[in-house]
Amino acid sequence: QRLAEADAFYAALQRDIADPDARLVQRQALAGMLWSKQFYHFDVRRWLAGDPAQPAPPEARRHGRDSDWTHLNNADIVSMPDKWEYPWYAAWDLAFHCVTFALIDPAFAKGQLILLTREWYMHPNGQLPAYEWAFGDVNPPVHAWAALRVYRMDQALTGKPDRAFLERVFHKLMLNFTWWVNRKDAGDRNVFQGGFLGLDNIGIFDRSARLPTGGTLDQADGTAWMAMYSLNLMRIALELAVEDPVYEDIATKFFEHFLTIAEAMTHVGGNGTGLWDETDEFYYDVLSLPGGRQVPLRVRSLVGLIPLCAV
């Protein structure tokens, strides 16, 4: 009976997919997503303090990683990257998971996007938690993109827009956007240094670590993600402005952010150096040294293609 119910569910979902093999692939993929939901419990304050009846944890733990995330107290069902090998949530992985979940369980998808912005997840300064071994790492800001996609997919499925969901997540993401602007733009130039950014296998060195030369690394992908984030928030504001004109001003605000970021990518520091290389026709990170010298890092990687996401 359960199998018959599952077959009926997927028959309706896949009515526009003619190829039986394609239907099977999608069904197996969605089953993998459902299988990777898991209860996740982590009380950072308790972990740092240690168990009362046991020896105190080493001093390095109490002042080490995640020690500035004492507000974080997670005890929820969360979508894992893989609960067998990676049984913890990752903020930007979760955003992509939610877009997939919207096909089969939009309520769960919306709930997950809201969950990461709740006060027992989001840092008081507005940062979203990255993953448990370093909640303070920086992931690409794709939460707004996912929220808008899930909103539209849910609307197509149910026939009515869930504006309460969109508005709720939008207000929290404005706090997160402000964190990015205040914490990850070292020179107030609208050029961003995001570090890890979820792309851990493309750098020639650890972009989250301090540079041995001093200075900053102006990142083509970090800056492009922020340009994309600005446009995503602008589109959400415009959607909310259909019923509430108050959001028109906010949409203009994010459009202005996009334009200033796009200009900054072309003229880093106003001295003619940009993240775009006209000769190579590619985007590169730029190393800004303490003395004012700027050195483009001419490495052909996915970093130079991320700006395509922001158009």
Protein backbone atom coordinates (compact mmCIF):
# COMPACT_ATOMS: atom_id res chain seq x y z
CA GLN A 1 0.00 0.00 0.00
CA ARG A 2 2.85 2.38 0.82
CA LEU A 3 4.54 1.54 -2.48
CA ALA A 4 1.30 2.20 -4.37
CA GLU A 5 0.95 5.56 -2.63
CA ALA A 6 4.56 6.47 -3.48
CA ASP A 7 4.03 5.45 -7.12
CA ALA A 8 0.90 7.62 -7.30
CA PHE A 9 2.76 10.57 -5.75
CA TYR A 10 5.62 10.38 -8.24
CA ALA A 11 3.28 9.75 -11.16
CA ALA A 12 1.72 13.15 -10.53
CA LEU A 13 5.07 14.83 -9.92
CA GLN A 14 6.69 13.39 -13.06
CA ARG A 15 3.75 13.64 -15.45
CA ASP A 16 5.81 15.85 -17.80
CA ILE A 17 8.83 13.50 -17.87
CA ALA A 18 8.38 10.92 -20.64
CA ASP A 19 11.64 8.96 -20.28
CA PRO A 20 11.27 6.14 -17.69
CA ASP A 21 15.01 6.21 -16.91
CA ALA A 22 14.92 9.97 -16.25
CA ARG A 23 11.95 9.44 -13.92
CA LEU A 24 13.87 6.75 -12.04
CA VAL A 25 16.95 8.96 -11.69
CA GLN A 26 14.87 11.81 -10.29
CA ARG A 27 13.00 9.53 -7.91
CA GLN A 28 16.24 8.07 -6.57
CA ALA A 29 17.71 11.56 -6.17
CA LEU A 30 14.67 12.78 -4.25
CA ALA A 31 14.77 9.64 -2.09
CA GLY A 32 18.38 10.52 -1.25
CA MET A 33 17.28 13.99 -0.15
CA LEU A 34 14.54 12.57 2.07
CA TRP A 35 16.96 10.02 3.56
CA SER A 36 19.40 12.80 4.52
CA LYS A 37 17.00 14.53 6.93
CA GLN A 38 18.32 14.09 10.45
CA PHE A 39 17.87 15.34 14.00
CA TYR A 40 20.78 17.67 14.76
CA HIS A 41 21.58 18.68 18.34
CA PHE A 42 24.44 20.99 19.26
CA ASP A 43 24.47 23.32 22.28
CA VAL A 44 27.71 25.28 21.82
CA ARG A 45 27.71 26.81 25.31
CA ARG A 46 27.39 23.35 26.88
CA TRP A 47 30.07 21.91 24.59
CA LEU A 48 32.52 24.68 25.53
CA ALA A 49 31.87 24.25 29.26
CA GLY A 50 32.09 20.46 29.24
CA ASP A 51 30.08 17.95 31.31
CA PRO A 52 29.74 18.80 35.02
CA ALA A 53 30.83 15.34 36.23
CA GLN A 54 33.84 15.14 33.93
CA PRO A 55 37.24 16.90 33.83
CA ALA A 56 37.06 20.41 32.41
CA PRO A 57 37.78 20.61 28.66
CA PRO A 58 41.15 21.99 27.58
CA GLU A 59 41.51 25.76 27.63
CA ALA A 60 42.07 25.73 23.88
CA ARG A 61 38.50 24.50 23.37
CA ARG A 62 36.95 27.24 25.49
CA HIS A 63 38.75 29.94 23.50
CA GLY A 64 39.00 28.12 20.17
CA ARG A 65 36.69 27.51 17.25
CA ASP A 66 33.03 28.39 17.64
CA SER A 67 33.70 30.04 21.04
CA ASP A 68 31.96 33.19 19.78
CA TRP A 69 28.81 31.21 18.87
CA THR A 70 27.57 30.59 22.40
CA HIS A 71 24.03 31.61 21.41
CA LEU A 72 23.82 28.62 19.02
CA ASN A 73 21.62 25.86 20.40
CA ASN A 74 20.37 23.60 17.61
CA ALA A 75 17.89 20.78 18.23
CA ASP A 76 15.95 20.40 14.99
CA ILE A 77 15.34 18.14 12.01
CA VAL A 78 17.73 19.49 9.37
CA SER A 79 18.73 18.48 5.86
CA MET A 80 22.29 17.10 5.95
CA PRO A 81 24.75 17.01 3.03
CA ASP A 82 24.96 13.26 3.75
CA LYS A 83 23.96 11.90 7.15
CA TRP A 84 26.30 8.93 6.74
CA GLU A 85 29.49 10.83 5.85
CA TYR A 86 28.68 14.51 6.57
CA PRO A 87 26.10 14.47 9.41
CA TRP A 88 25.95 18.24 9.93
CA TYR A 89 24.25 21.06 8.09
CA ALA A 90 26.10 23.48 5.84
CA ALA A 91 24.39 26.80 5.21
CA TRP A 92 24.88 27.08 1.48
CA ASP A 93 24.37 23.37 0.79
CA LEU A 94 21.07 23.69 2.65
CA ALA A 95 19.93 26.49 0.33
CA PHE A 96 20.35 24.21 -2.70
CA HIS A 97 18.69 21.33 -0.84
CA CYS A 98 15.63 23.51 -0.25
CA VAL A 99 15.16 24.26 -3.94
CA THR A 100 15.09 20.51 -4.57
CA PHE A 101 12.82 19.84 -1.59
CA ALA A 102 10.35 22.38 -2.98
CA LEU A 103 9.44 19.77 -5.63
CA ILE A 104 8.16 17.28 -3.05
CA ASP A 105 7.73 19.13 0.26
CA PRO A 106 7.60 22.92 -0.09
CA ALA A 107 6.51 23.36 3.54
CA PHE A 108 9.70 21.64 4.71
CA ALA A 109 11.78 23.70 2.25
CA LYS A 110 10.33 26.97 3.55
CA GLY A 111 10.74 25.83 7.14
CA GLN A 112 14.43 25.04 6.61
CA LEU A 113 15.16 28.45 5.07
CA ILE A 114 13.42 30.16 7.97
CA LEU A 115 15.17 27.91 10.50
CA LEU A 116 18.68 29.08 9.64
CA THR A 117 17.64 32.69 10.22
CA ARG A 118 16.12 32.01 13.65
CA GLU A 119 17.77 33.48 16.74
CA TRP A 120 19.18 30.14 17.90
CA TYR A 121 20.98 29.78 14.55
CA MET A 122 21.76 33.25 13.16
CA HIS A 123 24.48 35.12 15.03
CA PRO A 124 23.40 38.36 16.76
CA ASN A 125 25.62 40.22 14.29
CA GLY A 126 23.62 38.81 11.35
CA GLN A 127 25.93 36.04 10.14
CA LEU A 128 24.45 32.68 9.18
CA PRO A 129 26.22 29.63 10.70
CA ALA A 130 28.39 27.88 8.12
CA TYR A 131 29.00 24.36 9.53
CA GLU A 132 29.92 22.90 12.88
CA TRP A 133 33.71 22.81 12.63
CA ALA A 134 33.75 26.58 11.99
CA PHE A 135 30.37 28.31 12.23
CA GLY A 136 32.12 31.61 11.54
CA ASP A 137 33.38 30.59 8.10
CA VAL A 138 31.85 32.45 5.19
CA ASN A 139 29.61 30.67 2.69
CA PRO A 140 28.27 32.20 -0.53
CA PRO A 141 25.14 34.28 0.21
CA VAL A 142 22.67 32.15 -1.77
CA HIS A 143 19.91 32.10 0.85
CA ALA A 144 17.92 34.87 -0.85
CA TRP A 145 18.18 33.12 -4.23
CA ALA A 146 16.88 29.91 -2.69
CA ALA A 147 14.05 31.69 -0.84
CA LEU A 148 12.83 33.33 -4.06
CA ARG A 149 13.06 30.07 -6.02
CA VAL A 150 11.19 28.12 -3.32
CA TYR A 151 8.57 30.88 -3.11
CA ARG A 152 7.92 30.70 -6.86
CA MET A 153 7.92 26.90 -6.98
CA ASP A 154 5.49 26.78 -4.08
CA GLN A 155 3.25 29.32 -5.81
CA ALA A 156 3.25 27.26 -9.02
CA LEU A 157 2.34 24.14 -7.04
CA THR A 158 -0.38 25.58 -4.81
CA GLY A 159 -1.66 28.45 -6.93
CA LYS A 160 -1.15 31.07 -4.22
CA PRO A 161 1.94 33.02 -3.11
CA ASP A 162 3.16 32.61 0.46
CA ARG A 163 4.03 36.24 1.05
CA ALA A 164 4.28 35.75 4.81
CA PHE A 165 7.17 33.32 4.26
CA LEU A 166 8.91 35.63 1.79
CA GLU A 167 8.54 38.68 4.01
CA ARG A 168 9.69 36.79 7.09
CA VAL A 169 12.90 35.53 5.49
CA PHE A 170 13.51 38.88 3.75
CA HIS A 171 13.73 40.84 7.01
CA LYS A 172 16.29 38.41 8.43
CA LEU A 173 18.33 38.44 5.21
CA MET A 174 18.56 42.21 5.36
CA LEU A 175 20.40 41.72 8.67
CA ASN A 176 22.68 39.19 7.00
CA PHE A 177 23.33 41.53 4.06
CA THR A 178 24.31 44.27 6.52
CA TRP A 179 26.75 41.85 8.19
CA TRP A 180 28.39 41.24 4.83
CA VAL A 181 28.69 44.94 4.06
CA ASN A 182 30.10 45.79 7.50
CA ARG A 183 32.39 42.78 8.05
CA LYS A 184 33.60 41.62 4.64
CA ASP A 185 34.40 44.88 2.84
CA ALA A 186 37.71 45.75 4.49
CA GLY A 187 38.29 49.04 2.68
CA ASP A 188 34.68 50.22 2.30
CA ARG A 189 35.13 49.93 -1.46
CA ASN A 190 32.30 47.48 -2.26
CA VAL A 191 34.94 44.81 -2.97
CA PHE A 192 34.57 41.78 -0.73
CA GLN A 193 36.90 39.32 0.95
CA GLY A 194 34.78 36.33 1.87
CA GLY A 195 37.40 33.65 2.50
CA PHE A 196 36.21 30.08 2.07
CA LEU A 197 32.99 30.88 0.21
CA GLY A 198 32.11 27.21 -0.11
CA LEU A 199 34.55 26.77 -2.98
CA ASP A 200 37.22 24.93 -1.03
CA ASN A 201 38.88 23.08 -3.89
CA ILE A 202 39.67 25.92 -6.29
CA GLY A 203 42.17 28.13 -4.46
CA ILE A 204 45.97 27.88 -4.63
CA PHE A 205 46.03 28.72 -0.89
CA ASP A 206 43.62 28.98 2.05
CA ARG A 207 41.70 32.17 1.39
CA SER A 208 40.25 32.14 4.91
CA ALA A 209 43.69 32.50 6.53
CA ARG A 210 45.58 35.75 7.07
CA LEU A 211 47.86 36.62 4.18
CA PRO A 212 51.59 36.21 4.97
CA THR A 213 52.19 39.41 3.00
CA GLY A 214 49.60 41.40 4.95
CA GLY A 215 46.89 43.32 3.11
CA THR A 216 43.72 41.82 1.67
CA LEU A 217 42.62 39.57 -1.15
CA ASP A 218 39.93 41.23 -3.24
CA GLN A 219 37.88 38.29 -4.41
CA ALA A 220 36.16 38.16 -7.79
CA ASP A 221 33.78 35.45 -6.59
CA GLY A 222 33.09 37.00 -3.17
CA THR A 223 32.28 40.33 -4.80
CA ALA A 224 30.18 38.69 -7.50
CA TRP A 225 28.19 36.70 -4.92
CA MET A 226 27.35 40.02 -3.24
CA ALA A 227 26.25 41.53 -6.55
CA MET A 228 23.97 38.52 -7.02
CA TYR A 229 22.73 38.83 -3.43
CA SER A 230 21.82 42.48 -4.08
CA LEU A 231 19.76 41.54 -7.14
CA ASN A 232 18.05 38.66 -5.30
CA LEU A 233 16.99 40.97 -2.47
CA MET A 234 15.89 43.60 -4.99
CA ARG A 235 13.63 41.05 -6.69
CA ILE A 236 12.16 39.92 -3.37
CA ALA A 237 11.48 43.55 -2.43
CA LEU A 238 9.76 44.15 -5.77
CA GLU A 239 7.61 41.06 -5.25
CA LEU A 240 6.57 42.29 -1.79
CA ALA A 241 5.99 45.81 -3.18
CA VAL A 242 3.14 44.47 -5.34
CA GLU A 243 0.98 44.51 -2.21
CA ASP A 244 2.97 46.85 0.03
CA PRO A 245 4.54 49.91 -1.67
CA VAL A 246 6.80 50.46 1.36
CA TYR A 247 9.16 47.89 -0.19
CA GLU A 248 9.71 49.98 -3.33
CA ASP A 249 12.31 52.11 -1.53
CA ILE A 250 14.14 49.00 -0.34
CA ALA A 251 14.21 47.60 -3.88
CA THR A 252 15.87 50.82 -5.04
CA LYS A 253 18.38 50.50 -2.22
CA PHE A 254 19.50 47.05 -3.33
CA PHE A 255 19.63 48.08 -7.00
CA GLU A 256 22.00 50.88 -5.96
CA HIS A 257 24.13 48.34 -4.06
CA PHE A 258 24.36 46.23 -7.21
CA LEU A 259 25.51 49.19 -9.32
CA THR A 260 28.19 50.27 -6.84
CA ILE A 261 29.51 46.71 -6.53
CA ALA A 262 29.61 46.30 -10.32
CA GLU A 263 31.52 49.59 -10.64
CA ALA A 264 33.93 48.58 -7.88
CA MET A 265 34.75 45.32 -9.66
CA THR A 266 35.84 47.36 -12.66
CA HIS A 267 37.83 49.99 -10.75
CA VAL A 268 39.25 48.51 -7.54
CA GLY A 269 40.46 51.37 -5.38
CA GLY A 270 39.82 53.88 -8.17
CA ASN A 271 43.35 53.54 -9.60
CA GLY A 272 42.51 51.72 -12.80
CA THR A 273 43.07 48.20 -11.46
CA GLY A 274 40.02 45.96 -11.67
CA LEU A 275 39.02 42.36 -11.14
CA TRP A 276 38.32 42.10 -14.89
CA ASP A 277 41.31 41.57 -17.18
CA GLU A 278 40.50 43.01 -20.58
CA THR A 279 43.35 41.21 -22.34
CA ASP A 280 42.56 37.77 -20.94
CA GLU A 281 38.79 38.45 -20.87
CA PHE A 282 38.54 36.84 -17.44
CA TYR A 283 37.97 37.82 -13.80
CA TYR A 284 40.83 37.40 -11.32
CA ASP A 285 41.31 37.95 -7.59
CA VAL A 286 43.51 40.95 -6.81
CA LEU A 287 46.07 40.98 -3.97
CA SER A 288 46.06 44.42 -2.31
CA LEU A 289 49.38 44.82 -0.44
CA PRO A 290 49.92 47.16 2.54
CA GLY A 291 51.95 49.67 0.48
CA GLY A 292 49.11 50.16 -1.98
CA ARG A 293 50.45 47.84 -4.68
CA GLN A 294 47.79 45.63 -6.34
CA VAL A 295 48.68 42.33 -7.98
CA PRO A 296 46.12 40.37 -10.05
CA LEU A 297 46.34 36.62 -9.37
CA ARG A 298 46.06 35.24 -12.88
CA VAL A 299 44.66 31.82 -11.99
CA ARG A 300 42.08 30.31 -14.35
CA SER A 301 39.45 28.81 -12.04
CA LEU A 302 35.77 28.89 -11.24
CA VAL A 303 36.45 32.14 -9.35
CA GLY A 304 36.47 33.98 -12.66
CA LEU A 305 33.13 32.55 -13.77
CA ILE A 306 31.07 33.33 -10.65
CA PRO A 307 30.35 36.91 -11.90
CA LEU A 308 28.10 35.28 -14.54
CA CYS A 309 25.74 34.38 -11.66
CA ALA A 310 25.12 38.06 -11.00
CA VAL A 311 23.48 38.96 -14.31
